[in-house]
Protein backbone atom coordinates (compact mmCIF):
# COMPACT_ATOMS: atom_id res chain seq x y z
CA MET A 1 -0.05 -0.02 0.22
CA ALA A 2 1.40 3.52 -0.97
CA LEU A 3 2.09 6.02 2.01
CA PRO A 4 0.81 8.95 1.67
CA ALA A 5 2.80 12.09 0.44
CA THR A 6 2.43 15.84 0.78
CA VAL A 7 4.12 18.06 -1.71
CA VAL A 8 4.84 21.35 -0.64
CA VAL A 9 5.31 24.05 -3.30
CA LEU A 10 6.47 27.13 -2.06
CA ASN A 11 5.63 30.21 -4.49
CA TRP A 12 6.82 33.58 -4.89
CA ASN A 13 6.25 35.66 -8.30
CA GLY A 14 5.56 31.92 -10.01
CA ARG A 15 3.04 33.32 -12.70
CA ASP A 16 5.49 32.24 -15.26
CA TYR A 17 6.14 28.76 -13.84
CA LEU A 18 3.41 27.82 -11.25
CA ARG A 19 0.89 26.48 -13.57
CA ASP A 20 3.21 23.76 -15.47
CA CYS A 21 4.73 22.96 -11.95
CA LEU A 22 1.05 21.83 -10.81
CA ARG A 23 -0.05 20.43 -14.05
CA SER A 24 2.95 18.31 -13.67
CA LEU A 25 2.27 17.13 -10.47
CA PHE A 26 -1.40 16.32 -10.93
CA ALA A 27 0.13 13.97 -13.49
CA GLN A 28 1.78 11.88 -10.83
CA THR A 29 1.26 7.95 -10.80
CA TYR A 30 1.86 8.11 -7.41
CA PRO A 31 -1.61 6.89 -5.91
CA ASP A 32 -1.42 8.51 -2.77
CA THR A 33 -0.21 12.57 -3.32
CA LYS A 34 -1.59 15.88 -1.93
CA VAL A 35 -0.68 19.37 -2.95
CA LEU A 36 0.04 22.25 -0.93
CA VAL A 37 0.98 25.68 -2.45
CA VAL A 38 2.38 28.14 0.25
CA ASP A 39 2.37 31.71 -1.50
CA ASN A 40 5.22 34.28 -0.33
CA ALA A 41 2.82 37.10 -0.53
CA SER A 42 3.66 37.15 -4.23
CA PRO A 43 3.16 40.99 -5.70
CA ASP A 44 2.16 39.07 -9.18
CA GLU A 45 -0.76 37.51 -7.44
CA SER A 46 0.26 34.20 -8.94
CA TRP A 47 -1.14 32.57 -5.80
CA ARG A 48 -4.72 33.12 -8.18
CA ILE A 49 -3.40 30.61 -10.54
CA ALA A 50 -3.87 27.75 -7.78
CA ALA A 51 -6.84 28.85 -6.34
CA ASP A 52 -8.69 29.08 -9.57
CA GLU A 53 -7.73 26.40 -11.70
CA PHE A 54 -6.16 24.03 -9.28
CA PRO A 55 -9.08 23.89 -6.47
CA GLU A 56 -7.66 20.29 -5.54
CA ALA A 57 -4.78 22.07 -4.28
CA ALA A 58 -4.43 23.26 -0.76
CA LEU A 59 -3.31 26.97 -0.46
CA LEU A 60 -1.62 28.44 2.26
CA ARG A 61 -1.21 32.42 1.69
CA MET A 62 1.66 34.29 3.97
CA ARG A 63 1.05 37.93 4.70
CA GLU A 64 4.78 38.54 4.06
CA ASN A 65 7.64 36.97 1.63
CA LEU A 66 9.09 34.89 4.58
CA HIS A 67 11.72 33.52 1.74
CA PHE A 68 12.68 29.83 1.12
CA ALA A 69 13.45 28.61 4.84
CA ARG A 70 10.40 30.03 6.64
CA GLY A 71 8.45 29.91 3.86
CA MET A 72 8.58 26.09 3.11
CA ASN A 73 8.75 25.60 6.92
CA ALA A 74 5.39 27.00 7.20
CA GLY A 75 4.20 24.52 4.51
CA PHE A 76 5.78 21.81 6.20
CA ALA A 77 3.90 22.45 9.56
CA ARG A 78 0.77 22.84 7.79
CA ALA A 79 1.25 19.32 5.93
CA LEU A 80 2.60 17.48 9.15
CA GLU A 81 -1.16 18.34 11.04
CA ASP A 82 -2.17 15.28 8.49
CA PRO A 83 -1.27 12.14 10.84
CA GLN A 84 -1.42 10.30 7.58
CA ALA A 85 1.41 12.11 6.21
CA ALA A 86 4.14 9.77 5.37
CA PHE A 87 6.26 11.61 3.39
CA ILE A 88 7.02 15.45 2.88
CA VAL A 89 8.19 16.60 -0.07
CA ALA A 90 9.55 20.10 -0.83
CA LEU A 91 9.17 21.68 -4.29
CA ASN A 92 10.30 24.61 -5.82
CA ASN A 93 7.50 26.67 -8.40
CA ASP A 94 9.99 26.89 -11.14
CA VAL A 95 9.96 22.98 -12.14
CA ARG A 96 7.99 20.85 -13.86
CA VAL A 97 8.29 16.90 -12.93
CA ASP A 98 7.88 13.86 -14.78
CA PRO A 99 5.01 11.87 -13.91
CA GLU A 100 7.23 8.84 -12.25
CA TRP A 101 8.91 11.39 -10.37
CA LEU A 102 7.34 10.99 -6.62
CA ALA A 103 7.12 7.22 -7.28
CA GLY A 104 10.58 7.27 -7.79
CA LEU A 105 11.01 9.20 -4.55
CA VAL A 106 9.11 7.54 -2.35
CA ALA A 107 11.02 3.70 -3.87
CA ALA A 108 14.31 5.20 -2.76
CA ALA A 109 12.86 5.75 0.66
CA ASP A 110 12.51 1.91 1.23
CA GLU A 111 14.47 1.64 4.39
CA PRO A 112 13.39 3.26 7.70
CA ARG A 113 16.75 4.82 8.18
CA VAL A 114 16.50 6.52 4.76
CA GLY A 115 15.07 9.94 5.89
CA MET A 116 16.17 12.35 2.78
CA VAL A 117 15.77 11.56 -0.71
CA ALA A 118 17.61 13.54 -3.45
CA SER A 119 15.97 14.18 -6.98
CA LYS A 120 17.70 13.94 -10.26
CA ILE A 121 17.45 17.85 -11.00
CA LEU A 122 18.07 18.77 -14.68
CA PHE A 123 18.27 22.36 -16.54
CA MET A 124 15.20 23.51 -17.94
CA ASP A 125 16.62 25.14 -20.45
CA ARG A 126 19.37 22.34 -21.01
CA PRO A 127 17.38 19.48 -20.15
CA LYS A 128 20.56 17.39 -20.95
CA VAL A 129 22.40 18.98 -18.30
CA LEU A 130 22.43 18.04 -14.37
CA ASN A 131 21.37 20.68 -12.28
CA SER A 132 21.58 18.24 -9.08
CA THR A 133 21.59 14.69 -8.10
CA GLY A 134 22.36 15.56 -4.43
CA LEU A 135 24.38 17.83 -2.33
CA ARG A 136 28.21 17.56 -1.77
CA PRO A 137 29.49 19.43 1.29
CA ALA A 138 32.57 20.84 1.94
CA ARG A 139 35.27 21.03 4.45
CA ASP A 140 34.68 24.71 5.15
CA GLY A 141 30.55 24.38 5.48
CA GLY A 142 29.75 25.25 1.89
CA GLY A 143 28.63 23.01 -0.36
CA ILE A 144 27.58 22.28 -3.92
CA ASP A 145 25.06 20.00 -6.17
CA ARG A 146 26.43 16.67 -6.82
CA GLY A 147 26.95 16.43 -10.99
CA TRP A 148 26.37 20.16 -11.00
CA ASN A 149 26.72 21.56 -14.99
CA GLU A 150 27.83 17.51 -15.99
CA PRO A 151 25.98 16.12 -19.12
CA ASP A 152 22.96 13.58 -18.01
CA ASP A 153 24.97 10.70 -19.73
CA GLY A 154 24.12 8.13 -17.68
CA ARG A 155 27.12 8.74 -15.16
CA TYR A 156 24.68 9.57 -12.48
CA ASP A 157 21.73 6.85 -13.22
CA SER A 158 22.30 4.41 -10.11
CA GLN A 159 20.32 4.77 -6.94
CA THR A 160 23.06 5.30 -4.22
CA GLY A 161 23.95 7.19 -1.01
CA VAL A 162 24.30 10.53 -0.92
CA PHE A 163 24.92 13.25 1.76
CA GLY A 164 21.28 15.06 1.21
CA PRO A 165 19.31 16.67 -0.77
CA SER A 166 18.59 19.89 -2.71
CA GLY A 167 16.06 21.64 -0.99
CA GLY A 168 14.45 22.23 -4.83
CA ALA A 169 12.83 18.95 -4.76
CA ALA A 170 13.53 16.72 -1.73
CA LEU A 171 11.77 14.06 0.17
CA TYR A 172 11.87 14.14 3.63
CA ARG A 173 10.42 11.41 6.07
CA ARG A 174 8.08 12.28 8.41
CA GLU A 175 9.74 11.15 11.68
CA LEU A 176 12.86 13.02 10.52
CA LEU A 177 11.24 16.10 10.34
CA GLU A 178 9.39 15.62 13.83
CA LYS A 179 12.74 14.34 15.74
CA VAL A 180 15.37 16.69 14.13
CA GLY A 181 13.36 19.66 13.09
CA LEU A 182 12.34 21.61 9.92
CA TYR A 183 14.68 24.16 8.01
CA ASP A 184 16.87 26.50 10.08
CA GLY A 185 14.31 29.86 9.80
CA ASP A 186 17.44 31.92 10.70
CA PHE A 187 19.02 30.67 7.30
CA VAL A 188 16.41 32.49 5.36
CA ALA A 189 17.52 31.56 2.32
CA TYR A 190 20.14 28.94 0.78
CA ALA A 191 22.14 26.28 2.61
CA GLU A 192 18.99 25.40 4.62
CA ASP A 193 19.00 22.61 2.90
CA LEU A 194 22.37 21.53 3.39
CA ASP A 195 22.28 22.25 7.22
CA LEU A 196 19.13 19.87 7.78
CA ALA A 197 21.07 17.22 6.09
CA TRP A 198 23.77 17.75 8.47
CA ARG A 199 21.22 18.17 11.44
CA ALA A 200 20.00 14.36 10.16
CA ARG A 201 23.07 12.88 9.40
CA LEU A 202 24.30 13.95 12.93
CA HIS A 203 21.66 12.29 14.61
CA GLY A 204 21.81 8.68 12.45
CA TRP A 205 19.85 9.23 9.34
CA THR A 206 20.87 8.52 6.06
CA ALA A 207 20.09 9.83 2.33
CA ARG A 208 19.81 7.99 -1.16
CA PHE A 209 19.61 9.74 -4.73
CA ALA A 210 16.36 8.73 -6.86
CA PRO A 211 17.45 8.48 -10.59
CA ARG A 212 13.95 7.97 -11.71
CA ALA A 213 12.61 10.93 -9.76
CA VAL A 214 13.37 13.83 -12.62
CA VAL A 215 12.77 17.41 -12.31
CA TYR A 216 13.51 20.03 -14.92
CA HIS A 217 14.34 23.08 -13.05
CA LYS A 218 14.35 26.83 -14.11
CA TYR A 219 17.60 28.01 -12.69
CA SER A 220 17.47 30.88 -10.21
CA ALA A 221 14.22 32.02 -11.80
CA SER A 222 13.32 34.16 -8.81
CA ILE A 223 16.84 35.79 -7.49
CA GLY A 224 18.92 35.91 -11.14
CA VAL A 225 22.10 33.87 -11.45
CA ARG A 226 24.80 36.26 -10.32
CA SER A 227 23.16 38.31 -6.83
CA ALA A 228 24.62 39.93 -4.40
CA TRP A 229 21.93 39.19 -1.91
CA LYS A 230 22.59 35.25 -3.03
CA THR A 231 26.10 35.52 -2.13
CA TYR A 232 25.80 37.08 0.86
CA MET A 233 23.07 34.51 1.82
CA GLY A 234 25.29 31.98 0.84
CA GLU A 235 28.74 33.48 2.85
CA ARG A 236 26.67 33.99 5.87
CA ASN A 237 25.08 30.63 6.05
CA ARG A 238 27.98 28.70 5.19
CA ILE A 239 29.70 29.70 8.36
CA TRP A 240 27.06 28.78 10.42
CA THR A 241 26.82 25.34 8.71
CA PHE A 242 30.44 25.03 9.50
CA ILE A 243 29.92 26.03 13.53
CA GLN A 244 26.74 24.52 13.86
CA ASN A 245 27.75 21.10 12.40
CA TYR A 246 31.29 19.95 12.40
CA PRO A 247 33.24 18.70 15.08
CA TRP A 248 35.91 20.97 16.07
CA ARG A 249 39.15 19.15 14.73
CA LEU A 250 37.61 19.79 11.50
CA VAL A 251 36.60 23.36 11.90
CA ALA A 252 40.57 24.38 12.15
CA SER A 253 41.37 22.58 8.89
CA GLY A 254 38.82 23.76 7.26
CA SER A 255 39.85 27.51 7.90
CA ALA A 256 42.80 26.87 5.91
CA TRP A 257 40.89 24.80 3.38
CA ASN A 258 38.37 27.86 3.12
CA ALA A 259 40.97 30.35 2.22
CA ALA A 260 42.51 28.29 -0.51
CA ARG A 261 39.26 27.94 -2.15
CA LEU A 262 38.31 31.48 -1.92
CA LEU A 263 41.61 32.02 -3.70
CA ALA A 264 41.31 29.75 -6.75
CA SER A 265 37.43 31.27 -6.80
CA LEU A 266 39.16 34.96 -7.45
CA LYS A 267 41.36 33.32 -9.91
CA ARG A 268 38.81 31.89 -11.86
CA ASP A 269 36.21 34.93 -11.46
CA ARG A 270 39.17 37.39 -12.83
CA GLY A 271 39.36 34.91 -16.04
CA ARG A 272 35.81 35.03 -16.64
CA GLY A 273 35.97 38.64 -16.90
CA GLY A 274 33.83 41.60 -17.93
CA ASP A 275 31.81 41.94 -21.29
CA ASP A 276 35.27 42.81 -23.29
CA GLY A 277 36.84 39.64 -21.69
CA GLY A 278 38.70 41.92 -19.28
CA PRO A 279 38.52 41.49 -15.35
CA ASP A 280 35.00 42.93 -14.10
CA PRO A 281 36.13 44.89 -11.19
CA ALA A 282 32.81 46.42 -10.43
CA GLY A 283 31.27 43.03 -10.29
CA LEU A 284 33.63 41.38 -8.54
CA GLY A 285 34.09 44.86 -6.06
CA THR A 286 29.68 44.01 -5.35
CA MET A 287 30.63 40.61 -4.76
CA ALA A 288 33.52 40.91 -2.14
CA GLU A 289 31.68 43.82 -0.62
CA ALA A 290 28.28 41.05 0.22
CA THR A 291 30.95 38.57 1.24
CA VAL A 292 32.81 40.84 3.90
CA ARG A 293 29.02 41.96 4.97
CA ALA A 294 28.09 38.22 4.92
CA ARG A 295 31.16 37.39 7.74
CA LEU A 296 30.76 40.16 9.83
CA ASP A 297 26.98 39.14 10.05
CA ALA A 298 27.47 35.37 10.62
CA TYR A 299 30.30 36.37 13.45
CA ALA A 300 27.56 38.71 15.27
CA GLY A 301 25.33 35.38 15.20
CA LEU A 302 27.84 32.86 16.45
CA GLY A 303 26.17 32.89 19.87
CA ARG A 304 23.31 31.74 18.43
CA ALA A 305 25.15 29.27 16.16
CA LEU A 306 26.90 28.04 19.35
CA GLU A 307 24.09 27.30 21.33
CA LYS A 308 22.29 25.45 18.35
CA ARG A 309 25.34 23.22 17.94
CA ALA A 310 25.46 22.21 21.69
CA GLU A 311 21.83 21.31 21.09
CA ARG A 312 22.96 18.98 18.32
CA TYR A 313 25.94 17.44 19.80
CA ALA A 314 24.08 17.08 22.88
CA THR A 315 22.01 14.25 20.94
CA ALA A 316 24.23 13.08 18.42
CA THR A 317 24.78 9.67 17.72
CA VAL A 318 27.96 9.55 15.80
CA ASP A 319 31.78 10.75 16.23
CA ALA A 320 34.36 12.74 14.57
CA ALA A 321 35.71 9.92 12.52
CA THR A 322 32.35 9.42 11.32
CA VAL A 323 32.25 12.65 10.11
CA GLY A 324 35.31 12.62 8.41
CA ARG A 325 34.52 9.79 6.49
CA TRP A 326 31.27 11.36 5.19
CA LEU A 327 33.38 14.51 3.89
CA ARG A 328 35.66 11.84 2.28
CA ARG A 329 32.65 10.05 0.44
CA TYR A 330 30.30 12.57 -0.13
CA GLY A 331 32.47 15.66 -0.29
CA ALA A 332 33.48 18.09 -2.84
CA SER A 333 36.84 18.70 -3.37
CA LEU A 334 38.52 21.96 -3.68
CA ARG A 335 38.44 22.07 -7.76
CA GLN A 336 34.77 21.20 -7.21
CA MET A 337 34.04 24.10 -5.25
CA ALA A 338 36.36 26.66 -6.77
CA GLY A 339 34.51 25.88 -10.18
CA ALA A 340 31.01 25.64 -8.62
């Protein structure tokens, strides 16, 4: 018998994407599926698409834009009110999913300790190129998408263990969310999925990749590919992920690893250059300023991060050696991080 699943679609200004997303969800072959649309006070009133055209979808409207972490958490909390919901699935609004997507996710969660499942996410505009097949953690608290920008040529077609799923299309077991909590709302946006994967793994949960669970994603449709806000959030949340989850002996070595990564990234960005092929100092300056602000704000929030760390490690079921093995097995290399 199929276990009930609730898909939480987070929407903000999704007029161009939400309709196709919901059409694909209601074409799923999985027999016990509910859909909940959470609207983050969209100025384009795209929530009306759900209300008027998809009455079978539940609609939860926020009074303000809560961004990804808190907006998705509102949906998670509503979905968990249903005691029958065995799986809660996070989904971006700017995606289209294959009919077998949800069935593939649930099939990969066939063991009780598999608490998270990653989709095969392809770029909507480049459907033969991978966006994500899970998350790769880095030694400095950051992370990248597994398979990022690689061809979908069969190399990622086996169901295998991964560190955790991208929150753009992720299945979570109900028990995991009830025991380790939802996304960290302080993150606002970016890396909340990586932080949740760390928290879950520290408490004994594992994750898998489901190659049959195919998603097509319009990458950075809401924010844009190159964004100072995105840079700020990514860097601030990297530091908090680092402090909240990594054993102290890995924190010490990870700081040097981060310095090497930043140097490699700077060399890469200068090589890309501006429109004329030369360096783009204005762009680099904006991103550098965002990075500095992010670090200052992350350090200002270290007290709260340390409190969360103490809470997590008080009940963690793994040791530092296990975490080191995770980084060797699932982690991103310096070259992968610098090229992301």
